[in-house]
Amino acid sequence: MSASQIGPKAHSEQQAMNQAVREQESRLNGWILAGGGLLALLGAIVTVSIVRRSHGLVR
């Protein structure tokens, strides 16, 4: 086994690992964005319901 035989194989494995990591990161970012959007939506709904309730008490 010479160094020239080992090199390319290790390099392609490294590239495959990097690709897998990148795919996981993009998937994670997608989940974070979706979660953030859901939280924002939930916050807006809660805020609106609180505002409506407080306005109802004022009247």
C-alpha atoms as a PDB file:
ATOM      1  CA  MET A   1       0.000   0.000   0.000  1.00  0.00           C
ATOM      2  CA  SER A   2       1.646   3.233  -1.091  1.00  0.00           C
ATOM      3  CA  ALA A   3       0.795   6.753   0.051  1.00  0.00           C
ATOM      4  CA  SER A   4      -0.589   7.614  -3.396  1.00  0.00           C
ATOM      5  CA  GLN A   5      -3.137   4.776  -3.049  1.00  0.00           C
ATOM      6  CA  ILE A   6      -4.270   5.863   0.428  1.00  0.00           C
ATOM      7  CA  GLY A   7      -4.536   9.591  -0.355  1.00  0.00           C
ATOM      8  CA  PRO A   8      -7.441   9.751  -2.834  1.00  0.00           C
ATOM      9  CA  LYS A   9      -9.576   7.281  -0.844  1.00  0.00           C
ATOM     10  CA  ALA A  10      -9.192   9.244   2.390  1.00  0.00           C
ATOM     11  CA  HIS A  11      -9.918  12.462   0.519  1.00  0.00           C
ATOM     12  CA  SER A  12     -13.150  11.159  -1.021  1.00  0.00           C
ATOM     13  CA  GLU A  13     -14.250   9.836   2.384  1.00  0.00           C
ATOM     14  CA  GLN A  14     -13.551  13.259   3.881  1.00  0.00           C
ATOM     15  CA  GLN A  15     -15.646  14.870   1.129  1.00  0.00           C
ATOM     16  CA  ALA A  16     -18.487  12.427   1.778  1.00  0.00           C
ATOM     17  CA  MET A  17     -18.357  13.272   5.501  1.00  0.00           C
ATOM     18  CA  ASN A  18     -18.371  17.006   4.758  1.00  0.00           C
ATOM     19  CA  GLN A  19     -21.357  16.533   2.445  1.00  0.00           C
ATOM     20  CA  ALA A  20     -23.262  14.588   5.113  1.00  0.00           C
ATOM     21  CA  VAL A  21     -22.495  17.226   7.745  1.00  0.00           C
ATOM     22  CA  ARG A  22     -23.607  20.001   5.392  1.00  0.00           C
ATOM     23  CA  GLU A  23     -26.886  18.184   4.659  1.00  0.00           C
ATOM     24  CA  GLN A  24     -27.529  17.713   8.391  1.00  0.00           C
ATOM     25  CA  GLU A  25     -26.798  21.392   9.046  1.00  0.00           C
ATOM     26  CA  SER A  26     -29.187  22.566   6.317  1.00  0.00           C
ATOM     27  CA  ARG A  27     -31.868  20.226   7.657  1.00  0.00           C
ATOM     28  CA  LEU A  28     -31.260  21.568  11.169  1.00  0.00           C
ATOM     29  CA  ASN A  29     -31.476  25.159   9.901  1.00  0.00           C
ATOM     30  CA  GLY A  30     -34.776  24.290   8.231  1.00  0.00           C
ATOM     31  CA  TRP A  31     -36.141  22.948  11.518  1.00  0.00           C
ATOM     32  CA  ILE A  32     -34.884  26.020  13.391  1.00  0.00           C
ATOM     33  CA  LEU A  33     -36.587  28.325  10.867  1.00  0.00           C
ATOM     34  CA  ALA A  34     -39.817  26.324  11.043  1.00  0.00           C
ATOM     35  CA  GLY A  35     -39.687  26.315  14.845  1.00  0.00           C
ATOM     36  CA  GLY A  36     -38.999  30.047  14.928  1.00  0.00           C
ATOM     37  CA  GLY A  37     -41.903  30.698  12.579  1.00  0.00           C
ATOM     38  CA  LEU A  38     -44.226  28.598  14.725  1.00  0.00           C
ATOM     39  CA  LEU A  39     -43.096  30.400  17.885  1.00  0.00           C
ATOM     40  CA  ALA A  40     -43.639  33.794  16.237  1.00  0.00           C
ATOM     41  CA  LEU A  41     -47.110  32.728  15.100  1.00  0.00           C
ATOM     42  CA  LEU A  42     -47.941  31.396  18.562  1.00  0.00           C
ATOM     43  CA  GLY A  43     -46.674  34.615  20.156  1.00  0.00           C
ATOM     44  CA  ALA A  44     -48.813  36.711  17.817  1.00  0.00           C
ATOM     45  CA  ILE A  45     -51.926  34.640  18.579  1.00  0.00           C
ATOM     46  CA  VAL A  46     -51.329  34.868  22.347  1.00  0.00           C
ATOM     47  CA  THR A  47     -50.696  38.623  22.114  1.00  0.00           C
ATOM     48  CA  VAL A  48     -53.881  39.196  20.111  1.00  0.00           C
ATOM     49  CA  SER A  49     -55.964  37.100  22.520  1.00  0.00           C
ATOM     50  CA  ILE A  50     -54.535  38.982  25.535  1.00  0.00           C
ATOM     51  CA  VAL A  51     -55.157  42.368  23.886  1.00  0.00           C
ATOM     52  CA  ARG A  52     -58.728  41.375  22.997  1.00  0.00           C
ATOM     53  CA  ARG A  53     -59.353  40.124  26.535  1.00  0.00           C
ATOM     54  CA  SER A  54     -57.988  43.313  28.132  1.00  0.00           C
ATOM     55  CA  HIS A  55     -60.078  45.434  25.734  1.00  0.00           C
ATOM     56  CA  GLY A  56     -63.109  43.377  26.669  1.00  0.00           C
ATOM     57  CA  LEU A  57     -62.503  44.146  30.357  1.00  0.00           C
ATOM     58  CA  VAL A  58     -62.130  47.882  29.675  1.00  0.00           C
ATOM     59  CA  ARG A  59     -65.533  48.138  27.996  1.00  0.00           C
END
